[in-house]
Amino acid sequence: MFGRAVPTETFFAQQAANRRRSLLLMVSVVLLLALLGSAIGFSLTGDPVGALAVTIGAAALGTMLALGSYFGGDQLVLRASRARAITADQSPQLYNVVEELSLAANIPVPHVYLIDDTALNAFATGRDPEHASIAVTTGLLERLDREELSGVIGHELSHVRNFDIRFALLVGVLVGSIALLADMFLRYSFWFGGRRRGNDRGGGGGAQAIIGVLAIVLALLAPFVARIVQLSVSRQREYLADASGVELTRNPEGLERALAKISTDAEVLEVANRATNHLYIVNPVKKFEERSRGLFSTHPPIVDRVNRLRALRGAPPLSGDADQARQQVD
């Protein structure tokens, strides 16, 4: 898998391809929500107008959830991560890199936060470039050189410039709406389904009964499918941020080395959890941790990410797992 040749391409080509895939994935989540709402509405009312009403209600629910997350989600993430705001005097090199690359990205300098943890990682949050924050761990500052730090910051600023945080928020809210709608319908079907079917026997609601069965099946499968799509979106945005970060730094090797170091770091980032792990540049939940069980991958394989970066400068692809890749990058 990792040994196959990776074609040389520009970061502009990678950006365009990943944007197209991300948009298609998001459209698929919207269509899934509409399909689920329509099926539930028709199964409950037996009327296309009722199906439309439930679909509109599902969209309204998603809108309310999105507004709450849009205006307050970033501060919740920072507090959950125990990140503290710092000044330029407290970390001159970090601020210098952030300011330099923000100028290159043509975006306002984001707020900078520090997480007191020896693990290597970083993330960006915020609803737009004017309301953005970057958080890095103390371990990252201590163990990465300037080129590697620039690669990480370039990646995170690309998330800000590309509106990835907002994009991930929208997809996350849609997925949450699908799960909530499906759960409400399944609970209703469990408690009131039998009584409704008994009342329908005399009315000849055959089509409604069939749609009802399909709605139950869809309600069971839709949250799982939506979650898979959400993870696919997250992975595509990571590829996009890698390519965009190289556009800012003009140095793919710095990000290559940083990814290799972060992915093979054995330190555990205690503050990471299922709600925030997708934000980090590399998945902070290690395979050997208890909390990793049942988690789908929110990030692409590190070797694939490194090989895409190497393709930008015409270097041969790496082979093996992350630990072997670290040795080859070093």
Protein backbone atom coordinates (compact mmCIF):
# COMPACT_ATOMS: atom_id res chain seq x y z
CA MET A 1 0.00 0.00 0.00
CA PHE A 2 2.62 2.50 1.10
CA GLY A 3 5.23 1.40 -1.43
CA ARG A 4 3.33 2.35 -4.56
CA ALA A 5 4.53 5.27 -6.64
CA VAL A 6 3.00 8.67 -5.90
CA PRO A 7 2.67 10.90 -8.96
CA THR A 8 4.27 14.33 -8.86
CA GLU A 9 1.68 17.10 -8.68
CA THR A 10 1.38 20.70 -7.56
CA PHE A 11 -0.25 21.81 -4.34
CA PHE A 12 -2.80 23.70 -6.45
CA ALA A 13 -3.94 20.41 -8.00
CA GLN A 14 -4.15 18.79 -4.57
CA GLN A 15 -6.15 21.73 -3.22
CA ALA A 16 -8.67 21.63 -6.07
CA ALA A 17 -9.16 17.87 -5.85
CA ASN A 18 -9.66 17.90 -2.07
CA ARG A 19 -12.12 20.80 -2.23
CA ARG A 20 -14.21 18.92 -4.80
CA ARG A 21 -14.24 15.75 -2.69
CA SER A 22 -15.14 17.68 0.46
CA LEU A 23 -18.06 19.46 -1.19
CA LEU A 24 -19.40 16.21 -2.63
CA LEU A 25 -19.20 14.57 0.79
CA MET A 26 -21.03 17.47 2.42
CA VAL A 27 -23.77 17.38 -0.21
CA SER A 28 -24.21 13.67 0.47
CA VAL A 29 -24.80 14.39 4.18
CA VAL A 30 -27.43 17.02 3.31
CA LEU A 31 -29.18 14.58 0.98
CA LEU A 32 -29.08 11.87 3.65
CA LEU A 33 -30.71 14.22 6.18
CA ALA A 34 -33.41 15.16 3.64
CA LEU A 35 -34.05 11.51 2.76
CA LEU A 36 -34.31 10.50 6.40
CA GLY A 37 -36.65 13.39 7.20
CA SER A 38 -38.89 12.62 4.22
CA ALA A 39 -39.10 8.91 5.02
CA ILE A 40 -39.91 9.56 8.68
CA GLY A 41 -42.48 12.22 7.79
CA PHE A 42 -44.31 10.00 5.30
CA SER A 43 -44.24 6.97 7.60
CA LEU A 44 -45.83 9.03 10.42
CA THR A 45 -48.42 10.92 8.39
CA GLY A 46 -48.89 8.99 5.14
CA ASP A 47 -48.90 12.37 3.40
CA PRO A 48 -46.20 14.02 1.22
CA VAL A 49 -46.99 17.33 2.91
CA GLY A 50 -46.27 15.73 6.28
CA ALA A 51 -43.00 14.38 4.90
CA LEU A 52 -42.03 17.88 3.78
CA ALA A 53 -42.92 19.29 7.20
CA VAL A 54 -40.67 16.83 9.03
CA THR A 55 -37.84 17.55 6.58
CA ILE A 56 -38.19 21.29 7.22
CA GLY A 57 -38.27 20.61 10.96
CA ALA A 58 -35.04 18.60 10.71
CA ALA A 59 -33.42 21.48 8.82
CA ALA A 60 -34.59 23.94 11.51
CA LEU A 61 -33.15 21.71 14.23
CA GLY A 62 -29.81 21.61 12.43
CA THR A 63 -29.86 25.41 12.04
CA MET A 64 -30.40 25.98 15.77
CA LEU A 65 -27.59 23.59 16.68
CA ALA A 66 -25.32 25.26 14.14
CA LEU A 67 -25.96 28.76 15.52
CA GLY A 68 -25.11 27.68 19.05
CA SER A 69 -21.89 25.99 17.94
CA TYR A 70 -21.00 28.83 15.56
CA PHE A 71 -20.87 31.51 18.24
CA GLY A 72 -19.60 29.52 21.22
CA GLY A 73 -17.97 26.34 19.99
CA ASP A 74 -14.37 27.61 19.86
CA GLN A 75 -14.28 28.72 23.49
CA LEU A 76 -15.73 25.38 24.60
CA VAL A 77 -12.96 23.58 22.69
CA LEU A 78 -10.22 25.77 24.20
CA ARG A 79 -11.55 25.31 27.72
CA ALA A 80 -11.92 21.56 27.25
CA SER A 81 -8.30 21.45 26.04
CA ARG A 82 -7.09 23.48 29.06
CA ALA A 83 -5.45 25.96 26.70
CA ARG A 84 -4.26 29.28 28.12
CA ALA A 85 -3.70 32.48 26.15
CA ILE A 86 -0.10 33.65 25.87
CA THR A 87 1.62 36.83 24.72
CA ALA A 88 4.52 37.46 22.37
CA ASP A 89 6.82 38.05 25.35
CA GLN A 90 6.10 34.57 26.68
CA SER A 91 6.94 32.76 23.42
CA PRO A 92 8.74 35.06 20.94
CA GLN A 93 9.62 32.38 18.36
CA LEU A 94 6.09 30.97 18.22
CA TYR A 95 4.59 34.44 17.80
CA ASN A 96 7.13 35.32 15.14
CA VAL A 97 6.27 32.22 13.11
CA VAL A 98 2.52 32.80 13.51
CA GLU A 99 2.79 36.46 12.46
CA GLU A 100 5.09 35.68 9.52
CA LEU A 101 2.83 32.96 8.10
CA SER A 102 -0.38 34.91 8.81
CA LEU A 103 1.06 37.67 6.62
CA ALA A 104 1.83 35.11 3.91
CA ALA A 105 -1.72 33.73 4.18
CA ASN A 106 -3.19 37.26 4.11
CA ILE A 107 -5.28 36.66 7.25
CA PRO A 108 -5.39 38.40 10.66
CA VAL A 109 -3.00 37.03 13.27
CA PRO A 110 -5.02 34.54 15.33
CA HIS A 111 -5.05 34.34 19.12
CA VAL A 112 -2.30 32.02 20.36
CA TYR A 113 -2.83 29.49 23.14
CA LEU A 114 -0.54 27.05 24.91
CA ILE A 115 -1.45 23.61 26.28
CA ASP A 116 0.82 22.56 29.14
CA ASP A 117 1.55 19.02 27.98
CA THR A 118 4.72 17.25 26.87
CA ALA A 119 2.93 15.50 23.99
CA LEU A 120 3.50 16.90 20.47
CA ASN A 121 0.38 18.38 18.87
CA ALA A 122 -1.51 21.50 17.79
CA PHE A 123 -4.92 22.57 16.53
CA ALA A 124 -6.82 25.58 15.19
CA THR A 125 -10.36 26.62 16.03
CA GLY A 126 -12.74 29.51 15.36
CA ARG A 127 -15.54 30.34 12.97
CA ASP A 128 -13.54 32.50 10.52
CA PRO A 129 -10.11 34.15 10.11
CA GLU A 130 -11.28 37.16 12.16
CA HIS A 131 -12.25 34.92 15.11
CA ALA A 132 -9.54 32.25 15.02
CA SER A 133 -7.22 30.72 17.59
CA ILE A 134 -4.23 28.39 17.41
CA ALA A 135 -3.22 26.16 20.30
CA VAL A 136 0.07 24.26 20.54
CA THR A 137 1.49 22.04 23.26
CA THR A 138 4.60 22.90 25.23
CA GLY A 139 6.13 19.65 24.00
CA LEU A 140 5.76 20.81 20.40
CA LEU A 141 7.64 24.04 21.10
CA GLU A 142 10.43 22.25 22.96
CA ARG A 143 11.10 19.39 20.51
CA LEU A 144 10.52 20.83 17.03
CA ASP A 145 13.00 23.08 15.23
CA ARG A 146 11.89 26.28 13.50
CA GLU A 147 11.31 24.68 10.08
CA GLU A 148 9.18 21.93 11.61
CA LEU A 149 7.27 24.44 13.76
CA SER A 150 6.64 26.55 10.63
CA GLY A 151 5.25 23.47 8.88
CA VAL A 152 2.79 22.84 11.73
CA ILE A 153 1.72 26.48 12.01
CA GLY A 154 1.35 26.71 8.23
CA HIS A 155 -0.93 23.67 8.34
CA GLU A 156 -3.07 25.17 11.11
CA LEU A 157 -3.28 28.59 9.48
CA SER A 158 -4.42 26.82 6.30
CA HIS A 159 -7.31 25.36 8.27
CA VAL A 160 -8.19 28.93 9.23
CA ARG A 161 -7.75 30.40 5.74
CA ASN A 162 -9.64 27.53 4.07
CA PHE A 163 -12.54 27.88 6.57
CA ASP A 164 -12.04 24.24 7.50
CA ILE A 165 -13.23 24.81 11.07
CA ARG A 166 -16.52 26.23 9.82
CA PHE A 167 -16.78 23.44 7.24
CA ALA A 168 -16.20 20.77 9.89
CA LEU A 169 -18.73 22.50 12.14
CA LEU A 170 -21.44 22.40 9.47
CA VAL A 171 -20.81 18.74 8.69
CA GLY A 172 -20.70 17.89 12.41
CA VAL A 173 -24.02 19.64 13.04
CA LEU A 174 -25.64 17.85 10.10
CA VAL A 175 -24.36 14.50 11.34
CA GLY A 176 -25.59 15.32 14.85
CA SER A 177 -29.00 16.29 13.45
CA ILE A 178 -29.24 12.98 11.60
CA ALA A 179 -28.36 11.03 14.76
CA LEU A 180 -30.83 13.02 16.88
CA LEU A 181 -33.66 12.72 14.34
CA ALA A 182 -33.06 8.99 13.92
CA ASP A 183 -32.99 8.43 17.68
CA MET A 184 -36.24 10.36 18.22
CA PHE A 185 -37.99 8.38 15.48
CA LEU A 186 -36.76 5.01 16.75
CA ARG A 187 -37.95 5.84 20.28
CA TYR A 188 -41.32 6.92 18.92
CA SER A 189 -41.60 3.74 16.84
CA PHE A 190 -40.75 1.61 19.87
CA TRP A 191 -43.36 3.19 22.14
CA PHE A 192 -46.14 4.06 19.69
CA GLY A 193 -45.44 2.04 16.55
CA GLY A 194 -47.49 -0.98 17.54
CA ARG A 195 -50.54 1.10 18.45
CA ARG A 196 -50.33 3.01 15.16
CA ARG A 197 -50.04 -0.19 13.12
CA GLY A 198 -53.12 -1.52 14.88
CA ASN A 199 -55.07 1.57 13.90
CA ASP A 200 -53.81 1.33 10.31
CA ARG A 201 -55.10 -2.21 9.74
CA GLY A 202 -58.56 -0.99 8.94
CA GLY A 203 -57.43 1.90 6.80
CA GLY A 204 -55.37 0.10 4.18
CA GLY A 205 -52.16 2.08 4.72
CA GLY A 206 -49.98 -0.44 2.88
CA ALA A 207 -47.68 2.14 1.29
CA GLN A 208 -47.30 3.96 4.59
CA ALA A 209 -46.39 0.70 6.34
CA ILE A 210 -43.74 -0.09 3.73
CA ILE A 211 -42.25 3.38 4.02
CA GLY A 212 -42.37 2.99 7.80
CA VAL A 213 -40.23 -0.13 7.64
CA LEU A 214 -37.80 1.60 5.26
CA ALA A 215 -37.68 4.61 7.59
CA ILE A 216 -36.73 2.38 10.53
CA VAL A 217 -33.97 0.73 8.51
CA LEU A 218 -32.76 4.15 7.35
CA ALA A 219 -32.87 5.50 10.91
CA LEU A 220 -30.67 2.62 12.03
CA LEU A 221 -28.14 2.99 9.22
CA ALA A 222 -28.12 6.77 8.59
CA PRO A 223 -26.11 7.83 11.70
CA PHE A 224 -23.43 5.27 10.92
CA VAL A 225 -23.22 6.30 7.25
CA ALA A 226 -23.20 9.98 8.19
CA ARG A 227 -20.36 9.41 10.64
CA ILE A 228 -18.31 7.65 7.96
CA VAL A 229 -18.89 10.60 5.62
CA GLN A 230 -17.91 13.03 8.38
CA LEU A 231 -14.62 11.21 8.89
CA SER A 232 -14.00 11.23 5.14
CA VAL A 233 -14.54 15.00 5.10
CA SER A 234 -12.09 15.40 7.98
CA ARG A 235 -9.44 13.38 6.17
CA GLN A 236 -9.86 15.35 2.95
CA ARG A 237 -9.49 18.64 4.83
CA GLU A 238 -6.25 17.38 6.41
CA TYR A 239 -4.82 16.64 2.96
CA LEU A 240 -5.93 20.10 1.83
CA ALA A 241 -4.32 21.82 4.85
CA ASP A 242 -1.05 19.95 4.22
CA ALA A 243 -0.92 21.19 0.63
CA SER A 244 -2.00 24.71 1.60
CA GLY A 245 0.59 24.81 4.39
CA VAL A 246 3.33 24.04 1.88
CA GLU A 247 2.02 26.89 -0.25
CA LEU A 248 2.69 29.23 2.71
CA THR A 249 6.07 27.91 3.84
CA ARG A 250 7.42 26.73 0.46
CA ASN A 251 9.12 23.99 2.45
CA PRO A 252 7.42 20.57 2.40
CA GLU A 253 10.36 18.97 4.21
CA GLY A 254 9.64 20.91 7.41
CA LEU A 255 6.08 19.59 7.57
CA GLU A 256 7.24 16.09 6.57
CA ARG A 257 9.61 15.92 9.53
CA ALA A 258 7.03 17.44 11.89
CA LEU A 259 4.36 14.90 10.92
CA ALA A 260 6.83 12.03 11.37
CA LYS A 261 7.86 13.28 14.83
CA ILE A 262 4.32 13.96 16.04
CA SER A 263 2.93 10.65 14.80
CA THR A 264 5.65 8.59 16.48
CA ASP A 265 5.57 10.53 19.75
CA ALA A 266 4.71 8.12 22.58
CA GLU A 267 3.52 10.86 24.96
CA VAL A 268 -0.22 10.83 25.73
CA LEU A 269 -2.19 14.07 25.32
CA GLU A 270 -4.53 13.76 28.29
CA VAL A 271 -6.89 16.60 27.36
CA ALA A 272 -7.83 15.13 23.97
CA ASN A 273 -11.21 13.41 23.67
CA ARG A 274 -13.67 12.17 21.06
CA ALA A 275 -15.17 15.63 20.62
CA THR A 276 -11.84 17.36 19.90
CA ASN A 277 -9.45 14.71 18.51
CA HIS A 278 -10.36 15.52 14.90
CA LEU A 279 -9.08 19.10 15.33
CA TYR A 280 -5.46 18.19 15.97
CA ILE A 281 -2.85 18.03 13.22
CA VAL A 282 -2.25 14.35 14.08
CA ASN A 283 -4.74 12.12 15.90
CA PRO A 284 -3.79 12.57 19.58
CA VAL A 285 -5.40 9.30 20.70
CA LYS A 286 -2.75 6.57 20.60
CA LYS A 287 -3.53 3.04 19.51
CA PHE A 288 -2.46 1.60 22.86
CA GLU A 289 -4.85 3.83 24.84
CA GLU A 290 -8.10 2.46 26.25
CA ARG A 291 -10.06 5.38 24.78
CA SER A 292 -8.94 4.49 21.24
CA ARG A 293 -11.25 1.48 21.16
CA GLY A 294 -14.18 1.96 18.85
CA LEU A 295 -12.78 5.14 17.34
CA PHE A 296 -12.82 5.55 13.59
CA SER A 297 -9.78 7.25 12.11
CA THR A 298 -10.27 11.02 11.87
CA HIS A 299 -6.95 11.53 10.07
CA PRO A 300 -5.37 10.03 6.94
CA PRO A 301 -2.45 7.62 7.41
CA ILE A 302 0.72 9.57 8.15
CA VAL A 303 2.72 7.80 5.45
CA ASP A 304 0.11 8.80 2.86
CA ARG A 305 0.29 12.41 4.01
CA VAL A 306 4.08 12.44 3.93
CA ASN A 307 4.14 10.83 0.49
CA ARG A 308 1.81 13.50 -0.88
CA LEU A 309 4.18 16.14 0.43
CA ARG A 310 7.17 14.34 -1.06
CA ALA A 311 5.34 14.21 -4.40
CA LEU A 312 5.21 18.02 -4.39
CA ARG A 313 9.02 18.13 -4.62
CA GLY A 314 9.46 15.03 -6.77
CA ALA A 315 10.97 12.90 -3.96
CA PRO A 316 10.46 9.11 -3.97
CA PRO A 317 7.64 7.79 -1.74
CA LEU A 318 8.31 6.23 1.64
CA SER A 319 7.30 2.70 2.55
CA GLY A 320 6.33 0.93 5.76
CA ASP A 321 4.54 2.28 8.82
CA ALA A 322 4.95 5.59 10.64
CA ASP A 323 7.96 4.46 12.68
CA GLN A 324 9.83 3.30 9.56
CA ALA A 325 8.83 6.51 7.79
CA ARG A 326 10.27 8.54 10.68
CA GLN A 327 13.65 6.88 10.16
CA GLN A 328 13.58 7.56 6.41
CA VAL A 329 12.51 11.21 6.87
CA ASP A 330 15.19 11.81 9.50
